[in-house]
Amino acid sequence: RYAIAYSMDTLISGLYVWLGALSFRIGGVAPEENYPGTIHGFSGLALVLPGYRIYSTYQGSYDPLL
């Protein structure tokens, strides 16, 4: 989920799906070593398009302290 959180946070184009411990992504990038963010929702779907367009079911924070 760190890779999905990082890619969504930095608006890297891709399709992202997560359900429990499973996650799937088409596109995106691996997170930087010091990136602390994560996704806190159990399940979700996100589509990030070029031009800073993001469509996501996730409305939470990427903050690791939650």
PDB file of N, CA and C in Angstrom:
ATOM      1  N   ARG A   1       0.804  -1.208   0.000  1.00  0.00           N
ATOM      2  CA  ARG A   1       0.000   0.000   0.000  1.00  0.00           C
ATOM      3  C   ARG A   1       0.840   1.262   0.000  1.00  0.00           C
ATOM      4  N   TYR A   2       2.103   1.154   0.395  1.00  0.00           N
ATOM      5  CA  TYR A   2       2.963   2.337   0.377  1.00  0.00           C
ATOM      6  C   TYR A   2       3.153   2.842  -1.050  1.00  0.00           C
ATOM      7  N   ALA A   3       3.312   1.916  -2.008  1.00  0.00           N
ATOM      8  CA  ALA A   3       3.498   2.315  -3.405  1.00  0.00           C
ATOM      9  C   ALA A   3       2.246   3.000  -3.941  1.00  0.00           C
ATOM     10  N   ILE A   4       1.075   2.503  -3.568  1.00  0.00           N
ATOM     11  CA  ILE A   4      -0.169   3.124  -4.015  1.00  0.00           C
ATOM     12  C   ILE A   4      -0.322   4.502  -3.384  1.00  0.00           C
ATOM     13  N   ALA A   5      -0.089   4.612  -2.094  1.00  0.00           N
ATOM     14  CA  ALA A   5      -0.194   5.910  -1.416  1.00  0.00           C
ATOM     15  C   ALA A   5       0.769   6.919  -2.029  1.00  0.00           C
ATOM     16  N   TYR A   6       1.996   6.507  -2.273  1.00  0.00           N
ATOM     17  CA  TYR A   6       2.997   7.409  -2.844  1.00  0.00           C
ATOM     18  C   TYR A   6       2.585   7.853  -4.247  1.00  0.00           C
ATOM     19  N   SER A   7       2.160   6.908  -5.073  1.00  0.00           N
ATOM     20  CA  SER A   7       1.775   7.235  -6.444  1.00  0.00           C
ATOM     21  C   SER A   7       0.556   8.146  -6.486  1.00  0.00           C
ATOM     22  N   MET A   8      -0.419   7.910  -5.614  1.00  0.00           N
ATOM     23  CA  MET A   8      -1.593   8.780  -5.572  1.00  0.00           C
ATOM     24  C   MET A   8      -1.230  10.151  -5.014  1.00  0.00           C
ATOM     25  N   ASP A   9      -0.403  10.181  -3.993  1.00  0.00           N
ATOM     26  CA  ASP A   9       0.001  11.433  -3.353  1.00  0.00           C
ATOM     27  C   ASP A   9       0.785  12.322  -4.313  1.00  0.00           C
ATOM     28  N   THR A  10       1.599  11.720  -5.171  1.00  0.00           N
ATOM     29  CA  THR A  10       2.406  12.484  -6.127  1.00  0.00           C
ATOM     30  C   THR A  10       1.751  12.569  -7.499  1.00  0.00           C
ATOM     31  N   LEU A  11       0.516  12.071  -7.617  1.00  0.00           N
ATOM     32  CA  LEU A  11      -0.288  12.130  -8.839  1.00  0.00           C
ATOM     33  C   LEU A  11       0.391  11.467 -10.027  1.00  0.00           C
ATOM     34  N   ILE A  12       0.949  10.271  -9.806  1.00  0.00           N
ATOM     35  CA  ILE A  12       1.531   9.471 -10.875  1.00  0.00           C
ATOM     36  C   ILE A  12       0.396   8.693 -11.540  1.00  0.00           C
ATOM     37  N   SER A  13       0.265   8.806 -12.849  1.00  0.00           N
ATOM     38  CA  SER A  13      -0.832   8.163 -13.575  1.00  0.00           C
ATOM     39  C   SER A  13      -0.863   6.659 -13.342  1.00  0.00           C
ATOM     40  N   GLY A  14      -2.083   6.133 -13.159  1.00  0.00           N
ATOM     41  CA  GLY A  14      -2.236   4.696 -12.989  1.00  0.00           C
ATOM     42  C   GLY A  14      -3.607   4.324 -12.461  1.00  0.00           C
ATOM     43  N   LEU A  15      -3.843   3.031 -12.407  1.00  0.00           N
ATOM     44  CA  LEU A  15      -5.054   2.459 -11.830  1.00  0.00           C
ATOM     45  C   LEU A  15      -4.632   1.706 -10.582  1.00  0.00           C
ATOM     46  N   TYR A  16      -5.280   1.982  -9.465  1.00  0.00           N
ATOM     47  CA  TYR A  16      -4.892   1.421  -8.174  1.00  0.00           C
ATOM     48  C   TYR A  16      -6.108   0.784  -7.511  1.00  0.00           C
ATOM     49  N   VAL A  17      -5.935  -0.443  -7.031  1.00  0.00           N
ATOM     50  CA  VAL A  17      -7.011  -1.179  -6.369  1.00  0.00           C
ATOM     51  C   VAL A  17      -6.431  -1.825  -5.118  1.00  0.00           C
ATOM     52  N   TRP A  18      -7.149  -1.759  -4.006  1.00  0.00           N
ATOM     53  CA  TRP A  18      -6.710  -2.435  -2.789  1.00  0.00           C
ATOM     54  C   TRP A  18      -7.924  -2.993  -2.062  1.00  0.00           C
ATOM     55  N   LEU A  19      -7.724  -4.173  -1.477  1.00  0.00           N
ATOM     56  CA  LEU A  19      -8.765  -4.861  -0.725  1.00  0.00           C
ATOM     57  C   LEU A  19      -8.071  -5.660   0.365  1.00  0.00           C
ATOM     58  N   GLY A  20      -8.191  -5.196   1.585  1.00  0.00           N
ATOM     59  CA  GLY A  20      -7.508  -5.843   2.699  1.00  0.00           C
ATOM     60  C   GLY A  20      -6.004  -5.810   2.497  1.00  0.00           C
ATOM     61  N   ALA A  21      -5.379  -6.964   2.590  1.00  0.00           N
ATOM     62  CA  ALA A  21      -3.921  -7.048   2.424  1.00  0.00           C
ATOM     63  C   ALA A  21      -3.506  -7.115   0.956  1.00  0.00           C
ATOM     64  N   LEU A  22      -4.457  -7.294   0.050  1.00  0.00           N
ATOM     65  CA  LEU A  22      -4.146  -7.378  -1.375  1.00  0.00           C
ATOM     66  C   LEU A  22      -4.156  -5.999  -2.009  1.00  0.00           C
ATOM     67  N   SER A  23      -3.233  -5.774  -2.923  1.00  0.00           N
ATOM     68  CA  SER A  23      -3.232  -4.523  -3.674  1.00  0.00           C
ATOM     69  C   SER A  23      -2.754  -4.800  -5.087  1.00  0.00           C
ATOM     70  N   PHE A  24      -3.223  -3.978  -6.014  1.00  0.00           N
ATOM     71  CA  PHE A  24      -2.921  -4.142  -7.426  1.00  0.00           C
ATOM     72  C   PHE A  24      -2.774  -2.758  -8.023  1.00  0.00           C
ATOM     73  N   ARG A  25      -1.784  -2.584  -8.867  1.00  0.00           N
ATOM     74  CA  ARG A  25      -1.633  -1.295  -9.532  1.00  0.00           C
ATOM     75  C   ARG A  25      -1.129  -1.491 -10.941  1.00  0.00           C
ATOM     76  N   ILE A  26      -1.649  -0.684 -11.834  1.00  0.00           N
ATOM     77  CA  ILE A  26      -1.149  -0.582 -13.197  1.00  0.00           C
ATOM     78  C   ILE A  26      -0.643   0.844 -13.315  1.00  0.00           C
ATOM     79  N   GLY A  27       0.634   1.004 -13.488  1.00  0.00           N
ATOM     80  CA  GLY A  27       1.241   2.329 -13.486  1.00  0.00           C
ATOM     81  C   GLY A  27       1.799   2.626 -12.112  1.00  0.00           C
ATOM     82  N   GLY A  28       2.054   3.888 -11.870  1.00  0.00           N
ATOM     83  CA  GLY A  28       2.621   4.274 -10.590  1.00  0.00           C
ATOM     84  C   GLY A  28       4.100   3.954 -10.515  1.00  0.00           C
ATOM     85  N   VAL A  29       4.686   4.232  -9.382  1.00  0.00           N
ATOM     86  CA  VAL A  29       6.112   3.996  -9.162  1.00  0.00           C
ATOM     87  C   VAL A  29       6.317   3.468  -7.742  1.00  0.00           C
ATOM     88  N   ALA A  30       7.495   2.922  -7.516  1.00  0.00           N
ATOM     89  CA  ALA A  30       7.857   2.487  -6.160  1.00  0.00           C
ATOM     90  C   ALA A  30       8.092   3.727  -5.295  1.00  0.00           C
ATOM     91  N   PRO A  31       7.722   3.679  -4.029  1.00  0.00           N
ATOM     92  CA  PRO A  31       7.902   4.854  -3.165  1.00  0.00           C
ATOM     93  C   PRO A  31       9.372   5.094  -2.831  1.00  0.00           C
ATOM     94  N   GLU A  32       9.680   6.342  -2.519  1.00  0.00           N
ATOM     95  CA  GLU A  32      11.018   6.661  -2.028  1.00  0.00           C
ATOM     96  C   GLU A  32      11.213   5.980  -0.676  1.00  0.00           C
ATOM     97  N   GLU A  33      12.446   5.698  -0.328  1.00  0.00           N
ATOM     98  CA  GLU A  33      12.735   4.979   0.923  1.00  0.00           C
ATOM     99  C   GLU A  33      12.212   5.694   2.164  1.00  0.00           C
ATOM    100  N   ASN A  34      12.219   7.014   2.150  1.00  0.00           N
ATOM    101  CA  ASN A  34      11.812   7.766   3.339  1.00  0.00           C
ATOM    102  C   ASN A  34      10.350   8.216   3.291  1.00  0.00           C
ATOM    103  N   TYR A  35       9.552   7.727   2.340  1.00  0.00           N
ATOM    104  CA  TYR A  35       8.142   8.121   2.264  1.00  0.00           C
ATOM    105  C   TYR A  35       7.354   7.400   3.356  1.00  0.00           C
ATOM    106  N   PRO A  36       6.727   8.137   4.272  1.00  0.00           N
ATOM    107  CA  PRO A  36       6.060   7.509   5.415  1.00  0.00           C
ATOM    108  C   PRO A  36       4.580   7.183   5.198  1.00  0.00           C
ATOM    109  N   GLY A  37       3.985   7.663   4.127  1.00  0.00           N
ATOM    110  CA  GLY A  37       2.539   7.560   3.971  1.00  0.00           C
ATOM    111  C   GLY A  37       2.032   6.157   3.715  1.00  0.00           C
ATOM    112  N   THR A  38       0.756   5.958   4.006  1.00  0.00           N
ATOM    113  CA  THR A  38       0.088   4.688   3.736  1.00  0.00           C
ATOM    114  C   THR A  38      -1.404   4.955   3.559  1.00  0.00           C
ATOM    115  N   ILE A  39      -2.117   3.968   3.079  1.00  0.00           N
ATOM    116  CA  ILE A  39      -3.567   4.067   2.921  1.00  0.00           C
ATOM    117  C   ILE A  39      -4.202   3.348   4.101  1.00  0.00           C
ATOM    118  N   HIS A  40      -5.142   3.997   4.756  1.00  0.00           N
ATOM    119  CA  HIS A  40      -5.758   3.437   5.956  1.00  0.00           C
ATOM    120  C   HIS A  40      -7.086   2.732   5.684  1.00  0.00           C
ATOM    121  N   GLY A  41      -7.658   2.921   4.501  1.00  0.00           N
ATOM    122  CA  GLY A  41      -8.929   2.283   4.184  1.00  0.00           C
ATOM    123  C   GLY A  41      -8.774   0.806   3.866  1.00  0.00           C
ATOM    124  N   PHE A  42      -9.786   0.002   4.186  1.00  0.00           N
ATOM    125  CA  PHE A  42      -9.747  -1.439   3.936  1.00  0.00           C
ATOM    126  C   PHE A  42      -9.786  -1.757   2.448  1.00  0.00           C
ATOM    127  N   SER A  43     -10.603  -1.015   1.704  1.00  0.00           N
ATOM    128  CA  SER A  43     -10.722  -1.277   0.274  1.00  0.00           C
ATOM    129  C   SER A  43     -10.900   0.033  -0.476  1.00  0.00           C
ATOM    130  N   GLY A  44     -10.543   0.006  -1.742  1.00  0.00           N
ATOM    131  CA  GLY A  44     -10.719   1.202  -2.537  1.00  0.00           C
ATOM    132  C   GLY A  44     -10.238   1.029  -3.960  1.00  0.00           C
ATOM    133  N   LEU A  45     -10.526   2.059  -4.741  1.00  0.00           N
ATOM    134  CA  LEU A  45     -10.195   2.095  -6.153  1.00  0.00           C
ATOM    135  C   LEU A  45      -9.836   3.527  -6.496  1.00  0.00           C
ATOM    136  N   ALA A  46      -8.794   3.698  -7.282  1.00  0.00           N
ATOM    137  CA  ALA A  46      -8.407   5.045  -7.695  1.00  0.00           C
ATOM    138  C   ALA A  46      -7.895   5.012  -9.126  1.00  0.00           C
ATOM    139  N   LEU A  47      -8.199   6.063  -9.862  1.00  0.00           N
ATOM    140  CA  LEU A  47      -7.703   6.255 -11.212  1.00  0.00           C
ATOM    141  C   LEU A  47      -7.072   7.633 -11.260  1.00  0.00           C
ATOM    142  N   VAL A  48      -5.789   7.679 -11.560  1.00  0.00           N
ATOM    143  CA  VAL A  48      -5.075   8.949 -11.679  1.00  0.00           C
ATOM    144  C   VAL A  48      -4.719   9.123 -13.145  1.00  0.00           C
ATOM    145  N   LEU A  49      -5.176  10.225 -13.727  1.00  0.00           N
ATOM    146  CA  LEU A  49      -4.946  10.512 -15.138  1.00  0.00           C
ATOM    147  C   LEU A  49      -3.959  11.660 -15.291  1.00  0.00           C
ATOM    148  N   PRO A  50      -3.329  11.759 -16.456  1.00  0.00           N
ATOM    149  CA  PRO A  50      -2.441  12.908 -16.701  1.00  0.00           C
ATOM    150  C   PRO A  50      -3.221  14.214 -16.562  1.00  0.00           C
ATOM    151  N   GLY A  51      -2.547  15.274 -16.238  1.00  0.00           N
ATOM    152  CA  GLY A  51      -3.214  16.562 -16.063  1.00  0.00           C
ATOM    153  C   GLY A  51      -3.779  16.735 -14.670  1.00  0.00           C
ATOM    154  N   TYR A  52      -3.264  15.993 -13.698  1.00  0.00           N
ATOM    155  CA  TYR A  52      -3.663  16.119 -12.294  1.00  0.00           C
ATOM    156  C   TYR A  52      -5.130  15.808 -12.059  1.00  0.00           C
ATOM    157  N   ARG A  53      -5.670  14.846 -12.780  1.00  0.00           N
ATOM    158  CA  ARG A  53      -7.043  14.399 -12.562  1.00  0.00           C
ATOM    159  C   ARG A  53      -7.000  13.103 -11.765  1.00  0.00           C
ATOM    160  N   ILE A  54      -7.711  13.093 -10.646  1.00  0.00           N
ATOM    161  CA  ILE A  54      -7.742  11.898  -9.803  1.00  0.00           C
ATOM    162  C   ILE A  54      -9.189  11.585  -9.434  1.00  0.00           C
ATOM    163  N   TYR A  55      -9.547  10.329  -9.597  1.00  0.00           N
ATOM    164  CA  TYR A  55     -10.869   9.837  -9.234  1.00  0.00           C
ATOM    165  C   TYR A  55     -10.635   8.693  -8.255  1.00  0.00           C
ATOM    166  N   SER A  56     -11.132   8.833  -7.050  1.00  0.00           N
ATOM    167  CA  SER A  56     -10.813   7.853  -6.019  1.00  0.00           C
ATOM    168  C   SER A  56     -11.962   7.663  -5.051  1.00  0.00           C
ATOM    169  N   THR A  57     -12.109   6.434  -4.581  1.00  0.00           N
ATOM    170  CA  THR A  57     -13.067   6.157  -3.517  1.00  0.00           C
ATOM    171  C   THR A  57     -12.452   6.463  -2.158  1.00  0.00           C
ATOM    172  N   TYR A  58     -11.130   6.633  -2.112  1.00  0.00           N
ATOM    173  CA  TYR A  58     -10.430   6.892  -0.850  1.00  0.00           C
ATOM    174  C   TYR A  58     -10.456   8.381  -0.543  1.00  0.00           C
ATOM    175  N   GLN A  59     -10.970   8.745   0.623  1.00  0.00           N
ATOM    176  CA  GLN A  59     -11.058  10.145   1.025  1.00  0.00           C
ATOM    177  C   GLN A  59     -10.249  10.433   2.278  1.00  0.00           C
ATOM    178  N   GLY A  60      -9.457   9.475   2.718  1.00  0.00           N
ATOM    179  CA  GLY A  60      -8.698   9.625   3.958  1.00  0.00           C
ATOM    180  C   GLY A  60      -7.358  10.296   3.765  1.00  0.00           C
ATOM    181  N   SER A  61      -6.566  10.219   4.800  1.00  0.00           N
ATOM    182  CA  SER A  61      -5.233  10.811   4.835  1.00  0.00           C
ATOM    183  C   SER A  61      -4.187   9.741   4.542  1.00  0.00           C
ATOM    184  N   TYR A  62      -3.023  10.177   4.084  1.00  0.00           N
ATOM    185  CA  TYR A  62      -1.883   9.278   3.882  1.00  0.00           C
ATOM    186  C   TYR A  62      -0.951   9.322   5.088  1.00  0.00           C
ATOM    187  N   ASP A  63      -1.323  10.065   6.108  1.00  0.00           N
ATOM    188  CA  ASP A  63      -0.491  10.252   7.297  1.00  0.00           C
ATOM    189  C   ASP A  63      -0.296   8.916   8.022  1.00  0.00           C
ATOM    190  N   PRO A  64       0.942   8.518   8.293  1.00  0.00           N
ATOM    191  CA  PRO A  64       1.179   7.231   8.949  1.00  0.00           C
ATOM    192  C   PRO A  64       0.805   7.199  10.423  1.00  0.00           C
ATOM    193  N   LEU A  65       0.501   8.333  11.015  1.00  0.00           N
ATOM    194  CA  LEU A  65       0.249   8.398  12.457  1.00  0.00           C
ATOM    195  C   LEU A  65      -1.203   8.168  12.839  1.00  0.00           C
ATOM    196  N   LEU A  66      -2.055   7.861  11.895  1.00  0.00           N
ATOM    197  CA  LEU A  66      -3.473   7.653  12.215  1.00  0.00           C
ATOM    198  C   LEU A  66      -3.720   6.301  12.819  1.00  0.00           C
TER     199      LEU A  66
END
